[in-house]
Amino acid sequence: SKDLKEAMEVLIEQKRQKLSTVEKLDEHMDFASQLIFAQNRGDLTAENVNQCVLEMMIAAPDTLSVTLFFMLILIAEHPTVEEEMMREIEMVMGKQELQS
């Protein structure tokens, strides 16, 4: 866990450096950027930022898989919604082959 924490600190520092050199900040505003700016304002500590990012990295795969599972169940239970989704995919993708 110590190695993971240290790796997260390195990644956050890299993000902080990148933010300090970009010309158009709005193109790089994401969750980690918001946390870094909150720390800069004094709203969060460095430990708060590290913990938030770490939790997002660890928790995201589990919550994503559960969310996708329930989304697929709901789509299967509502065939008209599935048909609308397929029409939209075909409209956007045209004749292109779908890829994962």
N, C-alpha and C. Protein backbone atom coordinates (compact mmCIF):
# COMPACT_ATOMS: atom_id res chain seq x y z
N SER A 1 0.82 -1.20 0.00
CA SER A 1 0.00 0.00 0.00
C SER A 1 0.87 1.26 0.00
N LYS A 2 2.04 1.17 0.66
CA LYS A 2 2.94 2.32 0.68
C LYS A 2 3.43 2.63 -0.73
N ASP A 3 3.74 1.58 -1.51
CA ASP A 3 4.19 1.78 -2.89
C ASP A 3 3.11 2.44 -3.73
N LEU A 4 1.86 2.00 -3.54
CA LEU A 4 0.74 2.58 -4.28
C LEU A 4 0.57 4.05 -3.92
N LYS A 5 0.67 4.36 -2.64
CA LYS A 5 0.54 5.74 -2.19
C LYS A 5 1.64 6.61 -2.80
N GLU A 6 2.87 6.10 -2.80
CA GLU A 6 3.99 6.86 -3.38
C GLU A 6 3.81 7.04 -4.89
N ALA A 7 3.34 6.00 -5.56
CA ALA A 7 3.10 6.11 -7.01
C ALA A 7 2.01 7.15 -7.29
N MET A 8 0.98 7.19 -6.45
CA MET A 8 -0.10 8.17 -6.62
C MET A 8 0.44 9.59 -6.42
N GLU A 9 1.31 9.76 -5.45
CA GLU A 9 1.90 11.08 -5.21
C GLU A 9 2.71 11.53 -6.43
N VAL A 10 3.44 10.63 -7.04
CA VAL A 10 4.23 10.95 -8.25
C VAL A 10 3.29 11.36 -9.38
N LEU A 11 2.22 10.60 -9.59
CA LEU A 11 1.27 10.92 -10.66
C LEU A 11 0.60 12.27 -10.44
N ILE A 12 0.23 12.55 -9.21
CA ILE A 12 -0.41 13.84 -8.90
C ILE A 12 0.58 14.98 -9.13
N GLU A 13 1.82 14.78 -8.76
CA GLU A 13 2.84 15.81 -9.00
C GLU A 13 3.04 16.03 -10.50
N GLN A 14 3.03 14.95 -11.29
CA GLN A 14 3.14 15.09 -12.74
C GLN A 14 1.96 15.89 -13.29
N LYS A 15 0.77 15.62 -12.77
CA LYS A 15 -0.43 16.36 -13.20
C LYS A 15 -0.29 17.83 -12.82
N ARG A 16 0.19 18.08 -11.62
CA ARG A 16 0.39 19.46 -11.16
C ARG A 16 1.36 20.20 -12.09
N GLN A 17 2.46 19.55 -12.47
CA GLN A 17 3.43 20.15 -13.38
C GLN A 17 2.81 20.44 -14.74
N LYS A 18 2.03 19.48 -15.23
CA LYS A 18 1.38 19.68 -16.53
C LYS A 18 0.43 20.88 -16.49
N LEU A 19 -0.34 20.99 -15.40
CA LEU A 19 -1.27 22.11 -15.28
C LEU A 19 -0.55 23.46 -15.25
N SER A 20 0.65 23.47 -14.71
CA SER A 20 1.38 24.74 -14.61
C SER A 20 1.96 25.19 -15.95
N THR A 21 1.95 24.29 -16.95
CA THR A 21 2.56 24.64 -18.24
C THR A 21 1.56 24.75 -19.39
N VAL A 22 0.30 24.40 -19.17
CA VAL A 22 -0.66 24.43 -20.28
C VAL A 22 -1.09 25.86 -20.58
N GLU A 23 -1.41 26.10 -21.85
CA GLU A 23 -1.87 27.42 -22.25
C GLU A 23 -3.37 27.59 -22.02
N LYS A 24 -4.15 26.57 -22.39
CA LYS A 24 -5.60 26.64 -22.23
C LYS A 24 -6.00 25.67 -21.13
N LEU A 25 -6.22 26.22 -19.95
CA LEU A 25 -6.50 25.41 -18.78
C LEU A 25 -7.81 24.65 -18.90
N ASP A 26 -8.82 25.24 -19.55
CA ASP A 26 -10.14 24.60 -19.61
C ASP A 26 -10.11 23.26 -20.33
N GLU A 27 -9.13 23.02 -21.19
CA GLU A 27 -9.02 21.74 -21.89
C GLU A 27 -8.48 20.64 -20.99
N HIS A 28 -7.95 21.00 -19.83
CA HIS A 28 -7.31 20.03 -18.94
C HIS A 28 -8.00 19.96 -17.59
N MET A 29 -9.22 20.48 -17.50
CA MET A 29 -9.92 20.47 -16.22
C MET A 29 -10.67 19.15 -16.05
N ASP A 30 -10.19 18.34 -15.16
CA ASP A 30 -10.83 17.09 -14.83
C ASP A 30 -10.88 16.99 -13.31
N PHE A 31 -11.29 15.83 -12.81
CA PHE A 31 -11.45 15.66 -11.36
C PHE A 31 -10.13 15.90 -10.62
N ALA A 32 -9.05 15.32 -11.10
CA ALA A 32 -7.76 15.51 -10.43
C ALA A 32 -7.34 16.98 -10.44
N SER A 33 -7.59 17.66 -11.55
CA SER A 33 -7.25 19.09 -11.63
C SER A 33 -8.04 19.89 -10.61
N GLN A 34 -9.32 19.60 -10.49
CA GLN A 34 -10.16 20.30 -9.50
C GLN A 34 -9.63 20.09 -8.09
N LEU A 35 -9.21 18.85 -7.79
CA LEU A 35 -8.65 18.57 -6.47
C LEU A 35 -7.37 19.34 -6.23
N ILE A 36 -6.51 19.40 -7.23
CA ILE A 36 -5.24 20.12 -7.11
C ILE A 36 -5.51 21.61 -6.86
N PHE A 37 -6.46 22.18 -7.58
CA PHE A 37 -6.77 23.60 -7.38
C PHE A 37 -7.41 23.84 -6.02
N ALA A 38 -8.19 22.89 -5.54
CA ALA A 38 -8.76 23.01 -4.19
C ALA A 38 -7.63 23.01 -3.15
N GLN A 39 -6.61 22.20 -3.38
CA GLN A 39 -5.46 22.21 -2.48
C GLN A 39 -4.74 23.55 -2.56
N ASN A 40 -4.56 24.06 -3.77
CA ASN A 40 -3.89 25.35 -3.93
C ASN A 40 -4.62 26.48 -3.21
N ARG A 41 -5.96 26.39 -3.18
CA ARG A 41 -6.77 27.40 -2.48
C ARG A 41 -6.76 27.19 -0.96
N GLY A 42 -6.27 26.04 -0.51
CA GLY A 42 -6.27 25.75 0.92
C GLY A 42 -7.51 25.00 1.38
N ASP A 43 -8.37 24.58 0.44
CA ASP A 43 -9.58 23.85 0.80
C ASP A 43 -9.29 22.39 1.16
N LEU A 44 -8.22 21.83 0.59
CA LEU A 44 -7.83 20.44 0.83
C LEU A 44 -6.34 20.38 1.16
N THR A 45 -5.96 19.35 1.87
CA THR A 45 -4.54 19.10 2.10
C THR A 45 -4.02 18.19 1.00
N ALA A 46 -2.70 18.07 0.90
CA ALA A 46 -2.09 17.16 -0.07
C ALA A 46 -2.56 15.73 0.21
N GLU A 47 -2.68 15.38 1.49
CA GLU A 47 -3.15 14.04 1.85
C GLU A 47 -4.59 13.83 1.39
N ASN A 48 -5.45 14.86 1.51
CA ASN A 48 -6.83 14.76 1.02
C ASN A 48 -6.86 14.48 -0.48
N VAL A 49 -6.04 15.19 -1.23
CA VAL A 49 -5.99 15.02 -2.68
C VAL A 49 -5.52 13.61 -3.02
N ASN A 50 -4.43 13.18 -2.39
CA ASN A 50 -3.92 11.83 -2.66
C ASN A 50 -4.96 10.77 -2.35
N GLN A 51 -5.65 10.91 -1.22
CA GLN A 51 -6.64 9.91 -0.82
C GLN A 51 -7.82 9.89 -1.78
N CYS A 52 -8.29 11.06 -2.22
CA CYS A 52 -9.41 11.11 -3.17
C CYS A 52 -9.06 10.43 -4.48
N VAL A 53 -7.89 10.74 -5.02
CA VAL A 53 -7.48 10.15 -6.29
C VAL A 53 -7.29 8.64 -6.13
N LEU A 54 -6.66 8.24 -5.04
CA LEU A 54 -6.45 6.81 -4.79
C LEU A 54 -7.77 6.07 -4.70
N GLU A 55 -8.73 6.63 -3.98
CA GLU A 55 -10.04 5.98 -3.85
C GLU A 55 -10.75 5.88 -5.19
N MET A 56 -10.62 6.92 -6.01
CA MET A 56 -11.23 6.86 -7.34
C MET A 56 -10.59 5.76 -8.18
N MET A 57 -9.29 5.62 -8.09
CA MET A 57 -8.59 4.60 -8.87
C MET A 57 -8.97 3.19 -8.42
N ILE A 58 -9.13 3.01 -7.13
CA ILE A 58 -9.44 1.68 -6.58
C ILE A 58 -10.92 1.35 -6.74
N ALA A 59 -11.79 2.32 -6.47
CA ALA A 59 -13.23 2.06 -6.46
C ALA A 59 -13.84 2.02 -7.85
N ALA A 60 -13.29 2.75 -8.78
CA ALA A 60 -13.92 2.89 -10.10
C ALA A 60 -14.22 1.57 -10.80
N PRO A 61 -13.29 0.61 -10.85
CA PRO A 61 -13.61 -0.64 -11.57
C PRO A 61 -14.80 -1.38 -10.98
N ASP A 62 -14.91 -1.42 -9.65
CA ASP A 62 -16.03 -2.12 -9.02
C ASP A 62 -17.36 -1.41 -9.29
N THR A 63 -17.38 -0.10 -9.08
CA THR A 63 -18.64 0.61 -9.29
C THR A 63 -19.03 0.62 -10.77
N LEU A 64 -18.05 0.70 -11.65
CA LEU A 64 -18.34 0.68 -13.08
C LEU A 64 -18.96 -0.65 -13.49
N SER A 65 -18.39 -1.76 -13.01
CA SER A 65 -18.92 -3.07 -13.40
C SER A 65 -20.35 -3.26 -12.90
N VAL A 66 -20.65 -2.81 -11.68
CA VAL A 66 -22.01 -2.93 -11.15
C VAL A 66 -22.97 -2.04 -11.95
N THR A 67 -22.55 -0.83 -12.26
CA THR A 67 -23.37 0.09 -13.04
C THR A 67 -23.67 -0.48 -14.43
N LEU A 68 -22.64 -1.00 -15.10
CA LEU A 68 -22.85 -1.59 -16.42
C LEU A 68 -23.78 -2.79 -16.36
N PHE A 69 -23.64 -3.61 -15.34
CA PHE A 69 -24.51 -4.77 -15.18
C PHE A 69 -25.98 -4.34 -15.10
N PHE A 70 -26.28 -3.38 -14.23
CA PHE A 70 -27.66 -2.93 -14.08
C PHE A 70 -28.16 -2.21 -15.32
N MET A 71 -27.28 -1.47 -16.01
CA MET A 71 -27.67 -0.81 -17.24
C MET A 71 -28.08 -1.85 -18.28
N LEU A 72 -27.30 -2.92 -18.41
CA LEU A 72 -27.62 -3.97 -19.38
C LEU A 72 -28.92 -4.69 -19.01
N ILE A 73 -29.15 -4.91 -17.73
CA ILE A 73 -30.41 -5.51 -17.28
C ILE A 73 -31.59 -4.62 -17.67
N LEU A 74 -31.48 -3.33 -17.42
CA LEU A 74 -32.56 -2.40 -17.75
C LEU A 74 -32.80 -2.34 -19.25
N ILE A 75 -31.73 -2.35 -20.04
CA ILE A 75 -31.89 -2.34 -21.50
C ILE A 75 -32.61 -3.62 -21.94
N ALA A 76 -32.22 -4.75 -21.37
CA ALA A 76 -32.86 -6.02 -21.73
C ALA A 76 -34.34 -6.03 -21.36
N GLU A 77 -34.71 -5.35 -20.30
CA GLU A 77 -36.10 -5.30 -19.85
C GLU A 77 -36.94 -4.28 -20.63
N HIS A 78 -36.30 -3.41 -21.41
CA HIS A 78 -37.01 -2.37 -22.16
C HIS A 78 -36.57 -2.41 -23.63
N PRO A 79 -37.16 -3.31 -24.41
CA PRO A 79 -36.72 -3.49 -25.80
C PRO A 79 -36.88 -2.25 -26.67
N THR A 80 -37.85 -1.39 -26.38
CA THR A 80 -38.00 -0.18 -27.20
C THR A 80 -36.81 0.76 -26.99
N VAL A 81 -36.30 0.81 -25.76
CA VAL A 81 -35.11 1.62 -25.49
C VAL A 81 -33.91 1.03 -26.22
N GLU A 82 -33.81 -0.29 -26.21
CA GLU A 82 -32.72 -0.96 -26.91
C GLU A 82 -32.77 -0.64 -28.41
N GLU A 83 -33.97 -0.68 -28.99
CA GLU A 83 -34.12 -0.38 -30.41
C GLU A 83 -33.70 1.06 -30.71
N GLU A 84 -34.10 1.99 -29.84
CA GLU A 84 -33.72 3.39 -30.04
C GLU A 84 -32.20 3.55 -29.96
N MET A 85 -31.58 2.86 -29.01
CA MET A 85 -30.13 2.92 -28.88
C MET A 85 -29.45 2.38 -30.14
N MET A 86 -29.95 1.28 -30.65
CA MET A 86 -29.36 0.68 -31.84
C MET A 86 -29.51 1.60 -33.05
N ARG A 87 -30.66 2.26 -33.16
CA ARG A 87 -30.86 3.22 -34.26
C ARG A 87 -29.86 4.38 -34.16
N GLU A 88 -29.65 4.86 -32.96
CA GLU A 88 -28.71 5.97 -32.77
C GLU A 88 -27.28 5.52 -33.09
N ILE A 89 -26.91 4.33 -32.66
CA ILE A 89 -25.58 3.81 -32.97
C ILE A 89 -25.41 3.70 -34.48
N GLU A 90 -26.40 3.16 -35.17
CA GLU A 90 -26.33 3.02 -36.63
C GLU A 90 -26.26 4.38 -37.31
N MET A 91 -27.01 5.36 -36.77
CA MET A 91 -27.01 6.70 -37.35
C MET A 91 -25.62 7.34 -37.21
N VAL A 92 -25.01 7.18 -36.05
CA VAL A 92 -23.70 7.80 -35.80
C VAL A 92 -22.60 7.03 -36.52
N MET A 93 -22.64 5.71 -36.45
CA MET A 93 -21.56 4.89 -37.00
C MET A 93 -21.69 4.61 -38.48
N GLY A 94 -22.90 4.68 -39.01
CA GLY A 94 -23.08 4.38 -40.43
C GLY A 94 -22.70 2.94 -40.73
N LYS A 95 -21.89 2.76 -41.76
CA LYS A 95 -21.47 1.43 -42.18
C LYS A 95 -20.19 0.96 -41.49
N GLN A 96 -19.63 1.82 -40.62
CA GLN A 96 -18.39 1.45 -39.93
C GLN A 96 -18.63 0.23 -39.03
N GLU A 97 -17.64 -0.61 -38.96
CA GLU A 97 -17.74 -1.78 -38.07
C GLU A 97 -17.50 -1.34 -36.63
N LEU A 98 -18.33 -1.81 -35.71
CA LEU A 98 -18.17 -1.48 -34.30
C LEU A 98 -16.95 -2.19 -33.73
N GLN A 99 -16.23 -1.47 -32.88
CA GLN A 99 -15.06 -2.04 -32.21
C GLN A 99 -15.19 -1.77 -30.72
N SER A 100 -14.54 -2.64 -29.94
CA SER A 100 -14.59 -2.42 -28.49
C SER A 100 -13.72 -1.25 -28.09
